[in-house]
Amino acid sequence: MSIARGVTQLGSRVNQLKEQIFSPKNLFYTNIAISVSLSGVGDILEQHYEILQGTWEKWSPVRTSHMAISGSGCYTIIPYLLAMTCIPARLNTTNQ
């Protein structure tokens, strides 16, 4: 198999995965997963910085889990989904 063919196959698989993950059926779960992971990683970085500055003694997994849960994004995606059901034509079309 040539490199170009392998890259093409990888690209098509990535596109299939992207279409499945970001489909309207899975959008809610995708947004929740992205928000939770970004909040958790952000808190880990913040705690590391606080440890380096001397304001925090050690990493707290409880704090990270609380920050990740609080950043779940439910409060942002639910109004968006409600808007999608009320005015889908305006949100789904592009200006041509």
PDB file of N, CA and C in Angstrom:
ATOM      1  N   MET A   1       0.852  -1.177   0.000  1.00  0.00           N
ATOM      2  CA  MET A   1       0.000   0.000   0.000  1.00  0.00           C
ATOM      3  C   MET A   1       0.896   1.238   0.000  1.00  0.00           C
ATOM      4  N   SER A   2       0.572   2.159  -0.863  1.00  0.00           N
ATOM      5  CA  SER A   2       1.360   3.375  -0.935  1.00  0.00           C
ATOM      6  C   SER A   2       0.951   4.331   0.187  1.00  0.00           C
ATOM      7  N   ILE A   3       1.809   5.290   0.467  1.00  0.00           N
ATOM      8  CA  ILE A   3       1.542   6.269   1.524  1.00  0.00           C
ATOM      9  C   ILE A   3       0.329   7.115   1.167  1.00  0.00           C
ATOM     10  N   ALA A   4       0.221   7.493  -0.090  1.00  0.00           N
ATOM     11  CA  ALA A   4      -0.908   8.330  -0.523  1.00  0.00           C
ATOM     12  C   ALA A   4      -2.230   7.600  -0.325  1.00  0.00           C
ATOM     13  N   ARG A   5      -2.264   6.324  -0.647  1.00  0.00           N
ATOM     14  CA  ARG A   5      -3.495   5.545  -0.468  1.00  0.00           C
ATOM     15  C   ARG A   5      -3.834   5.409   1.013  1.00  0.00           C
ATOM     16  N   GLY A   6      -2.829   5.190   1.837  1.00  0.00           N
ATOM     17  CA  GLY A   6      -3.051   5.092   3.280  1.00  0.00           C
ATOM     18  C   GLY A   6      -3.574   6.388   3.861  1.00  0.00           C
ATOM     19  N   VAL A   7      -3.042   7.517   3.413  1.00  0.00           N
ATOM     20  CA  VAL A   7      -3.503   8.826   3.879  1.00  0.00           C
ATOM     21  C   VAL A   7      -4.938   9.058   3.427  1.00  0.00           C
ATOM     22  N   THR A   8      -5.251   8.659   2.204  1.00  0.00           N
ATOM     23  CA  THR A   8      -6.616   8.819   1.688  1.00  0.00           C
ATOM     24  C   THR A   8      -7.604   7.999   2.505  1.00  0.00           C
ATOM     25  N   GLN A   9      -7.238   6.748   2.818  1.00  0.00           N
ATOM     26  CA  GLN A   9      -8.115   5.905   3.629  1.00  0.00           C
ATOM     27  C   GLN A   9      -8.279   6.480   5.035  1.00  0.00           C
ATOM     28  N   LEU A  10      -7.216   6.978   5.603  1.00  0.00           N
ATOM     29  CA  LEU A  10      -7.293   7.589   6.927  1.00  0.00           C
ATOM     30  C   LEU A  10      -8.189   8.815   6.897  1.00  0.00           C
ATOM     31  N   GLY A  11      -8.057   9.623   5.863  1.00  0.00           N
ATOM     32  CA  GLY A  11      -8.898  10.803   5.720  1.00  0.00           C
ATOM     33  C   GLY A  11     -10.368  10.455   5.617  1.00  0.00           C
ATOM     34  N   SER A  12     -10.688   9.410   4.870  1.00  0.00           N
ATOM     35  CA  SER A  12     -12.097   9.024   4.735  1.00  0.00           C
ATOM     36  C   SER A  12     -12.637   8.477   6.052  1.00  0.00           C
ATOM     37  N   ARG A  13     -11.823   7.762   6.797  1.00  0.00           N
ATOM     38  CA  ARG A  13     -12.262   7.254   8.104  1.00  0.00           C
ATOM     39  C   ARG A  13     -12.474   8.391   9.094  1.00  0.00           C
ATOM     40  N   VAL A  14     -11.590   9.374   9.056  1.00  0.00           N
ATOM     41  CA  VAL A  14     -11.740  10.540   9.933  1.00  0.00           C
ATOM     42  C   VAL A  14     -13.015  11.289   9.585  1.00  0.00           C
ATOM     43  N   ASN A  15     -13.309  11.444   8.291  1.00  0.00           N
ATOM     44  CA  ASN A  15     -14.538  12.118   7.877  1.00  0.00           C
ATOM     45  C   ASN A  15     -15.778  11.364   8.319  1.00  0.00           C
ATOM     46  N   GLN A  16     -15.758  10.041   8.220  1.00  0.00           N
ATOM     47  CA  GLN A  16     -16.894   9.242   8.680  1.00  0.00           C
ATOM     48  C   GLN A  16     -17.098   9.404  10.179  1.00  0.00           C
ATOM     49  N   LEU A  17     -16.003   9.363  10.926  1.00  0.00           N
ATOM     50  CA  LEU A  17     -16.089   9.531  12.373  1.00  0.00           C
ATOM     51  C   LEU A  17     -16.594  10.922  12.732  1.00  0.00           C
ATOM     52  N   LYS A  18     -16.101  11.935  12.036  1.00  0.00           N
ATOM     53  CA  LYS A  18     -16.536  13.312  12.274  1.00  0.00           C
ATOM     54  C   LYS A  18     -18.030  13.462  12.007  1.00  0.00           C
ATOM     55  N   GLU A  19     -18.502  12.894  10.911  1.00  0.00           N
ATOM     56  CA  GLU A  19     -19.922  12.982  10.573  1.00  0.00           C
ATOM     57  C   GLU A  19     -20.782  12.277  11.628  1.00  0.00           C
ATOM     58  N   GLN A  20     -20.299  11.174  12.153  1.00  0.00           N
ATOM     59  CA  GLN A  20     -21.066  10.445  13.165  1.00  0.00           C
ATOM     60  C   GLN A  20     -21.056  11.177  14.503  1.00  0.00           C
ATOM     61  N   ILE A  21     -19.897  11.653  14.926  1.00  0.00           N
ATOM     62  CA  ILE A  21     -19.787  12.302  16.235  1.00  0.00           C
ATOM     63  C   ILE A  21     -20.549  13.619  16.269  1.00  0.00           C
ATOM     64  N   PHE A  22     -20.423  14.421  15.226  1.00  0.00           N
ATOM     65  CA  PHE A  22     -21.031  15.740  15.211  1.00  0.00           C
ATOM     66  C   PHE A  22     -22.392  15.775  14.529  1.00  0.00           C
ATOM     67  N   SER A  23     -23.015  14.607  14.371  1.00  0.00           N
ATOM     68  CA  SER A  23     -24.364  14.584  13.812  1.00  0.00           C
ATOM     69  C   SER A  23     -25.334  15.140  14.856  1.00  0.00           C
ATOM     70  N   PRO A  24     -26.484  15.645  14.424  1.00  0.00           N
ATOM     71  CA  PRO A  24     -27.453  16.183  15.397  1.00  0.00           C
ATOM     72  C   PRO A  24     -27.858  15.168  16.463  1.00  0.00           C
ATOM     73  N   LYS A  25     -27.819  13.890  16.119  1.00  0.00           N
ATOM     74  CA  LYS A  25     -28.188  12.842  17.075  1.00  0.00           C
ATOM     75  C   LYS A  25     -27.208  12.783  18.253  1.00  0.00           C
ATOM     76  N   ASN A  26     -25.920  12.988  17.995  1.00  0.00           N
ATOM     77  CA  ASN A  26     -24.893  12.853  19.023  1.00  0.00           C
ATOM     78  C   ASN A  26     -24.298  14.181  19.478  1.00  0.00           C
ATOM     79  N   LEU A  27     -24.799  15.290  18.977  1.00  0.00           N
ATOM     80  CA  LEU A  27     -24.202  16.590  19.271  1.00  0.00           C
ATOM     81  C   LEU A  27     -24.218  16.911  20.764  1.00  0.00           C
ATOM     82  N   PHE A  28     -25.293  16.611  21.441  1.00  0.00           N
ATOM     83  CA  PHE A  28     -25.398  16.887  22.872  1.00  0.00           C
ATOM     84  C   PHE A  28     -24.293  16.165  23.642  1.00  0.00           C
ATOM     85  N   TYR A  29     -24.125  14.876  23.368  1.00  0.00           N
ATOM     86  CA  TYR A  29     -23.113  14.078  24.079  1.00  0.00           C
ATOM     87  C   TYR A  29     -21.702  14.509  23.712  1.00  0.00           C
ATOM     88  N   THR A  30     -21.492  14.870  22.467  1.00  0.00           N
ATOM     89  CA  THR A  30     -20.181  15.348  22.040  1.00  0.00           C
ATOM     90  C   THR A  30     -19.821  16.642  22.762  1.00  0.00           C
ATOM     91  N   ASN A  31     -20.762  17.576  22.834  1.00  0.00           N
ATOM     92  CA  ASN A  31     -20.496  18.838  23.518  1.00  0.00           C
ATOM     93  C   ASN A  31     -20.243  18.636  25.006  1.00  0.00           C
ATOM     94  N   ILE A  32     -20.983  17.749  25.628  1.00  0.00           N
ATOM     95  CA  ILE A  32     -20.763  17.451  27.049  1.00  0.00           C
ATOM     96  C   ILE A  32     -19.358  16.878  27.248  1.00  0.00           C
ATOM     97  N   ALA A  33     -18.963  15.926  26.411  1.00  0.00           N
ATOM     98  CA  ALA A  33     -17.643  15.306  26.546  1.00  0.00           C
ATOM     99  C   ALA A  33     -16.523  16.320  26.346  1.00  0.00           C
ATOM    100  N   ILE A  34     -16.665  17.186  25.348  1.00  0.00           N
ATOM    101  CA  ILE A  34     -15.638  18.199  25.096  1.00  0.00           C
ATOM    102  C   ILE A  34     -15.557  19.177  26.262  1.00  0.00           C
ATOM    103  N   SER A  35     -16.705  19.626  26.761  1.00  0.00           N
ATOM    104  CA  SER A  35     -16.722  20.597  27.862  1.00  0.00           C
ATOM    105  C   SER A  35     -16.131  20.013  29.137  1.00  0.00           C
ATOM    106  N   VAL A  36     -16.501  18.779  29.465  1.00  0.00           N
ATOM    107  CA  VAL A  36     -15.979  18.143  30.679  1.00  0.00           C
ATOM    108  C   VAL A  36     -14.471  17.950  30.573  1.00  0.00           C
ATOM    109  N   SER A  37     -14.005  17.468  29.419  1.00  0.00           N
ATOM    110  CA  SER A  37     -12.562  17.227  29.289  1.00  0.00           C
ATOM    111  C   SER A  37     -11.774  18.536  29.311  1.00  0.00           C
ATOM    112  N   LEU A  38     -12.263  19.576  28.660  1.00  0.00           N
ATOM    113  CA  LEU A  38     -11.553  20.858  28.685  1.00  0.00           C
ATOM    114  C   LEU A  38     -11.535  21.464  30.084  1.00  0.00           C
ATOM    115  N   SER A  39     -12.633  21.349  30.811  1.00  0.00           N
ATOM    116  CA  SER A  39     -12.663  21.872  32.179  1.00  0.00           C
ATOM    117  C   SER A  39     -11.701  21.104  33.080  1.00  0.00           C
ATOM    118  N   GLY A  40     -11.654  19.793  32.917  1.00  0.00           N
ATOM    119  CA  GLY A  40     -10.737  18.990  33.721  1.00  0.00           C
ATOM    120  C   GLY A  40      -9.277  19.291  33.418  1.00  0.00           C
ATOM    121  N   VAL A  41      -8.940  19.362  32.147  1.00  0.00           N
ATOM    122  CA  VAL A  41      -7.558  19.665  31.761  1.00  0.00           C
ATOM    123  C   VAL A  41      -7.179  21.074  32.214  1.00  0.00           C
ATOM    124  N   GLY A  42      -8.102  22.015  32.070  1.00  0.00           N
ATOM    125  CA  GLY A  42      -7.838  23.380  32.517  1.00  0.00           C
ATOM    126  C   GLY A  42      -7.564  23.457  34.002  1.00  0.00           C
ATOM    127  N   ASP A  43      -8.309  22.698  34.796  1.00  0.00           N
ATOM    128  CA  ASP A  43      -8.078  22.711  36.231  1.00  0.00           C
ATOM    129  C   ASP A  43      -6.751  22.038  36.593  1.00  0.00           C
ATOM    130  N   ILE A  44      -6.400  20.984  35.874  1.00  0.00           N
ATOM    131  CA  ILE A  44      -5.103  20.341  36.122  1.00  0.00           C
ATOM    132  C   ILE A  44      -3.965  21.329  35.854  1.00  0.00           C
ATOM    133  N   LEU A  45      -4.075  22.070  34.752  1.00  0.00           N
ATOM    134  CA  LEU A  45      -3.047  23.073  34.453  1.00  0.00           C
ATOM    135  C   LEU A  45      -3.021  24.175  35.514  1.00  0.00           C
ATOM    136  N   GLU A  46      -4.194  24.616  35.946  1.00  0.00           N
ATOM    137  CA  GLU A  46      -4.270  25.654  36.976  1.00  0.00           C
ATOM    138  C   GLU A  46      -3.674  25.173  38.297  1.00  0.00           C
ATOM    139  N   GLN A  47      -3.977  23.936  38.679  1.00  0.00           N
ATOM    140  CA  GLN A  47      -3.400  23.405  39.918  1.00  0.00           C
ATOM    141  C   GLN A  47      -1.887  23.275  39.805  1.00  0.00           C
ATOM    142  N   HIS A  48      -1.403  22.844  38.652  1.00  0.00           N
ATOM    143  CA  HIS A  48       0.046  22.737  38.464  1.00  0.00           C
ATOM    144  C   HIS A  48       0.704  24.105  38.623  1.00  0.00           C
ATOM    145  N   TYR A  49       0.088  25.126  38.047  1.00  0.00           N
ATOM    146  CA  TYR A  49       0.612  26.487  38.178  1.00  0.00           C
ATOM    147  C   TYR A  49       0.596  26.927  39.649  1.00  0.00           C
ATOM    148  N   GLU A  50      -0.498  26.635  40.354  1.00  0.00           N
ATOM    149  CA  GLU A  50      -0.584  27.009  41.768  1.00  0.00           C
ATOM    150  C   GLU A  50       0.449  26.267  42.616  1.00  0.00           C
ATOM    151  N   ILE A  51       0.736  25.024  42.270  1.00  0.00           N
ATOM    152  CA  ILE A  51       1.773  24.266  42.986  1.00  0.00           C
ATOM    153  C   ILE A  51       3.138  24.903  42.737  1.00  0.00           C
ATOM    154  N   LEU A  52       3.406  25.281  41.490  1.00  0.00           N
ATOM    155  CA  LEU A  52       4.683  25.928  41.179  1.00  0.00           C
ATOM    156  C   LEU A  52       4.826  27.274  41.880  1.00  0.00           C
ATOM    157  N   GLN A  53       3.724  27.999  42.050  1.00  0.00           N
ATOM    158  CA  GLN A  53       3.749  29.300  42.721  1.00  0.00           C
ATOM    159  C   GLN A  53       3.799  29.158  44.240  1.00  0.00           C
ATOM    160  N   GLY A  54       3.513  27.987  44.758  1.00  0.00           N
ATOM    161  CA  GLY A  54       3.539  27.761  46.198  1.00  0.00           C
ATOM    162  C   GLY A  54       2.228  28.068  46.906  1.00  0.00           C
ATOM    163  N   THR A  55       1.169  28.324  46.158  1.00  0.00           N
ATOM    164  CA  THR A  55      -0.125  28.616  46.788  1.00  0.00           C
ATOM    165  C   THR A  55      -0.960  27.363  46.994  1.00  0.00           C
ATOM    166  N   TRP A  56      -0.514  26.231  46.454  1.00  0.00           N
ATOM    167  CA  TRP A  56      -1.240  24.970  46.585  1.00  0.00           C
ATOM    168  C   TRP A  56      -0.204  23.891  46.856  1.00  0.00           C
ATOM    169  N   GLU A  57      -0.502  22.948  47.743  1.00  0.00           N
ATOM    170  CA  GLU A  57       0.503  21.955  48.135  1.00  0.00           C
ATOM    171  C   GLU A  57       0.606  20.777  47.173  1.00  0.00           C
ATOM    172  N   LYS A  58      -0.526  20.185  46.811  1.00  0.00           N
ATOM    173  CA  LYS A  58      -0.502  19.018  45.934  1.00  0.00           C
ATOM    174  C   LYS A  58      -1.763  18.994  45.083  1.00  0.00           C
ATOM    175  N   TRP A  59      -1.730  18.146  44.044  1.00  0.00           N
ATOM    176  CA  TRP A  59      -2.852  18.038  43.126  1.00  0.00           C
ATOM    177  C   TRP A  59      -4.042  17.417  43.831  1.00  0.00           C
ATOM    178  N   SER A  60      -5.219  17.979  43.619  1.00  0.00           N
ATOM    179  CA  SER A  60      -6.449  17.500  44.231  1.00  0.00           C
ATOM    180  C   SER A  60      -7.371  16.916  43.162  1.00  0.00           C
ATOM    181  N   PRO A  61      -7.490  15.586  43.108  1.00  0.00           N
ATOM    182  CA  PRO A  61      -8.388  14.987  42.116  1.00  0.00           C
ATOM    183  C   PRO A  61      -9.858  15.326  42.380  1.00  0.00           C
ATOM    184  N   VAL A  62     -10.216  15.559  43.640  1.00  0.00           N
ATOM    185  CA  VAL A  62     -11.597  15.928  43.962  1.00  0.00           C
ATOM    186  C   VAL A  62     -11.922  17.283  43.346  1.00  0.00           C
ATOM    187  N   ARG A  63     -11.005  18.235  43.482  1.00  0.00           N
ATOM    188  CA  ARG A  63     -11.218  19.561  42.890  1.00  0.00           C
ATOM    189  C   ARG A  63     -11.341  19.454  41.378  1.00  0.00           C
ATOM    190  N   THR A  64     -10.484  18.650  40.761  1.00  0.00           N
ATOM    191  CA  THR A  64     -10.535  18.496  39.310  1.00  0.00           C
ATOM    192  C   THR A  64     -11.856  17.878  38.871  1.00  0.00           C
ATOM    193  N   SER A  65     -12.328  16.875  39.596  1.00  0.00           N
ATOM    194  CA  SER A  65     -13.601  16.263  39.217  1.00  0.00           C
ATOM    195  C   SER A  65     -14.752  17.246  39.387  1.00  0.00           C
ATOM    196  N   HIS A  66     -14.718  18.054  40.439  1.00  0.00           N
ATOM    197  CA  HIS A  66     -15.764  19.060  40.631  1.00  0.00           C
ATOM    198  C   HIS A  66     -15.743  20.106  39.514  1.00  0.00           C
ATOM    199  N   MET A  67     -14.565  20.527  39.121  1.00  0.00           N
ATOM    200  CA  MET A  67     -14.450  21.510  38.044  1.00  0.00           C
ATOM    201  C   MET A  67     -14.911  20.919  36.712  1.00  0.00           C
ATOM    202  N   ALA A  68     -14.581  19.664  36.474  1.00  0.00           N
ATOM    203  CA  ALA A  68     -14.994  19.021  35.231  1.00  0.00           C
ATOM    204  C   ALA A  68     -16.510  18.890  35.167  1.00  0.00           C
ATOM    205  N   ILE A  69     -17.117  18.494  36.269  1.00  0.00           N
ATOM    206  CA  ILE A  69     -18.570  18.349  36.296  1.00  0.00           C
ATOM    207  C   ILE A  69     -19.248  19.704  36.153  1.00  0.00           C
ATOM    208  N   SER A  70     -18.704  20.722  36.803  1.00  0.00           N
ATOM    209  CA  SER A  70     -19.323  22.046  36.711  1.00  0.00           C
ATOM    210  C   SER A  70     -19.189  22.634  35.314  1.00  0.00           C
ATOM    211  N   GLY A  71     -18.226  22.188  34.559  1.00  0.00           N
ATOM    212  CA  GLY A  71     -18.047  22.671  33.200  1.00  0.00           C
ATOM    213  C   GLY A  71     -18.711  21.791  32.166  1.00  0.00           C
ATOM    214  N   SER A  72     -19.735  21.055  32.574  1.00  0.00           N
ATOM    215  CA  SER A  72     -20.347  20.082  31.671  1.00  0.00           C
ATOM    216  C   SER A  72     -20.997  20.716  30.454  1.00  0.00           C
ATOM    217  N   GLY A  73     -21.381  21.966  30.529  1.00  0.00           N
ATOM    218  CA  GLY A  73     -21.938  22.634  29.363  1.00  0.00           C
ATOM    219  C   GLY A  73     -23.421  22.431  29.163  1.00  0.00           C
ATOM    220  N   CYS A  74     -24.095  21.767  30.083  1.00  0.00           N
ATOM    221  CA  CYS A  74     -25.537  21.548  29.939  1.00  0.00           C
ATOM    222  C   CYS A  74     -26.288  22.860  29.838  1.00  0.00           C
ATOM    223  N   TYR A  75     -25.814  23.852  30.547  1.00  0.00           N
ATOM    224  CA  TYR A  75     -26.500  25.135  30.559  1.00  0.00           C
ATOM    225  C   TYR A  75     -26.310  25.919  29.264  1.00  0.00           C
ATOM    226  N   THR A  76     -25.403  25.494  28.410  1.00  0.00           N
ATOM    227  CA  THR A  76     -25.220  26.189  27.136  1.00  0.00           C
ATOM    228  C   THR A  76     -25.802  25.419  25.963  1.00  0.00           C
ATOM    229  N   ILE A  77     -25.750  24.099  25.993  1.00  0.00           N
ATOM    230  CA  ILE A  77     -26.216  23.324  24.847  1.00  0.00           C
ATOM    231  C   ILE A  77     -27.730  23.171  24.842  1.00  0.00           C
ATOM    232  N   ILE A  78     -28.358  23.113  25.997  1.00  0.00           N
ATOM    233  CA  ILE A  78     -29.815  22.929  26.035  1.00  0.00           C
ATOM    234  C   ILE A  78     -30.538  24.112  25.393  1.00  0.00           C
ATOM    235  N   PRO A  79     -30.188  25.370  25.715  1.00  0.00           N
ATOM    236  CA  PRO A  79     -30.848  26.474  25.001  1.00  0.00           C
ATOM    237  C   PRO A  79     -30.581  26.449  23.493  1.00  0.00           C
ATOM    238  N   TYR A  80     -29.406  26.026  23.095  1.00  0.00           N
ATOM    239  CA  TYR A  80     -29.097  25.931  21.665  1.00  0.00           C
ATOM    240  C   TYR A  80     -29.987  24.892  21.000  1.00  0.00           C
ATOM    241  N   LEU A  81     -30.137  23.726  21.625  1.00  0.00           N
ATOM    242  CA  LEU A  81     -30.994  22.695  21.053  1.00  0.00           C
ATOM    243  C   LEU A  81     -32.441  23.156  20.995  1.00  0.00           C
ATOM    244  N   LEU A  82     -32.893  23.885  22.002  1.00  0.00           N
ATOM    245  CA  LEU A  82     -34.248  24.431  21.972  1.00  0.00           C
ATOM    246  C   LEU A  82     -34.400  25.423  20.820  1.00  0.00           C
ATOM    247  N   ALA A  83     -33.390  26.238  20.603  1.00  0.00           N
ATOM    248  CA  ALA A  83     -33.437  27.185  19.494  1.00  0.00           C
ATOM    249  C   ALA A  83     -33.452  26.451  18.155  1.00  0.00           C
ATOM    250  N   MET A  84     -32.714  25.365  18.056  1.00  0.00           N
ATOM    251  CA  MET A  84     -32.688  24.577  16.821  1.00  0.00           C
ATOM    252  C   MET A  84     -34.063  24.014  16.493  1.00  0.00           C
ATOM    253  N   THR A  85     -34.828  23.633  17.514  1.00  0.00           N
ATOM    254  CA  THR A  85     -36.154  23.086  17.242  1.00  0.00           C
ATOM    255  C   THR A  85     -37.160  24.187  16.918  1.00  0.00           C
ATOM    256  N   CYS A  86     -36.964  25.385  17.457  1.00  0.00           N
ATOM    257  CA  CYS A  86     -37.913  26.478  17.215  1.00  0.00           C
ATOM    258  C   CYS A  86     -37.677  27.166  15.879  1.00  0.00           C
ATOM    259  N   ILE A  87     -36.428  27.406  15.530  1.00  0.00           N
ATOM    260  CA  ILE A  87     -36.121  28.120  14.291  1.00  0.00           C
ATOM    261  C   ILE A  87     -35.041  27.387  13.490  1.00  0.00           C
ATOM    262  N   PRO A  88     -35.302  26.151  13.078  1.00  0.00           N
ATOM    263  CA  PRO A  88     -34.256  25.380  12.388  1.00  0.00           C
ATOM    264  C   PRO A  88     -33.868  25.948  11.032  1.00  0.00           C
ATOM    265  N   ALA A  89     -34.799  26.543  10.315  1.00  0.00           N
ATOM    266  CA  ALA A  89     -34.476  27.044   8.980  1.00  0.00           C
ATOM    267  C   ALA A  89     -33.451  28.170   9.038  1.00  0.00           C
ATOM    268  N   ARG A  90     -33.549  29.026  10.019  1.00  0.00           N
ATOM    269  CA  ARG A  90     -32.619  30.162  10.113  1.00  0.00           C
ATOM    270  C   ARG A  90     -31.234  29.713  10.581  1.00  0.00           C
ATOM    271  N   LEU A  91     -31.159  28.702  11.421  1.00  0.00           N
ATOM    272  CA  LEU A  91     -29.860  28.274  11.945  1.00  0.00           C
ATOM    273  C   LEU A  91     -29.139  27.331  10.994  1.00  0.00           C
ATOM    274  N   ASN A  92     -29.862  26.616  10.158  1.00  0.00           N
ATOM    275  CA  ASN A  92     -29.240  25.599   9.318  1.00  0.00           C
ATOM    276  C   ASN A  92     -28.911  26.069   7.912  1.00  0.00           C
ATOM    277  N   THR A  93     -29.280  27.273   7.523  1.00  0.00           N
ATOM    278  CA  THR A  93     -28.993  27.745   6.175  1.00  0.00           C
ATOM    279  C   THR A  93     -27.824  28.706   6.190  1.00  0.00           C
ATOM    280  N   THR A  94     -27.163  28.807   5.068  1.00  0.00           N
ATOM    281  CA  THR A  94     -26.060  29.745   4.930  1.00  0.00           C
ATOM    282  C   THR A  94     -26.475  30.847   3.979  1.00  0.00           C
ATOM    283  N   ASN A  95     -25.850  31.989   4.109  1.00  0.00           N
ATOM    284  CA  ASN A  95     -26.123  33.099   3.186  1.00  0.00           C
ATOM    285  C   ASN A  95     -25.463  32.821   1.853  1.00  0.00           C
ATOM    286  N   GLN A  96     -26.257  32.816   0.809  1.00  0.00           N
ATOM    287  CA  GLN A  96     -25.692  32.512  -0.521  1.00  0.00           C
ATOM    288  C   GLN A  96     -25.886  33.673  -1.443  1.00  0.00           C
TER     289      GLN A  96
END
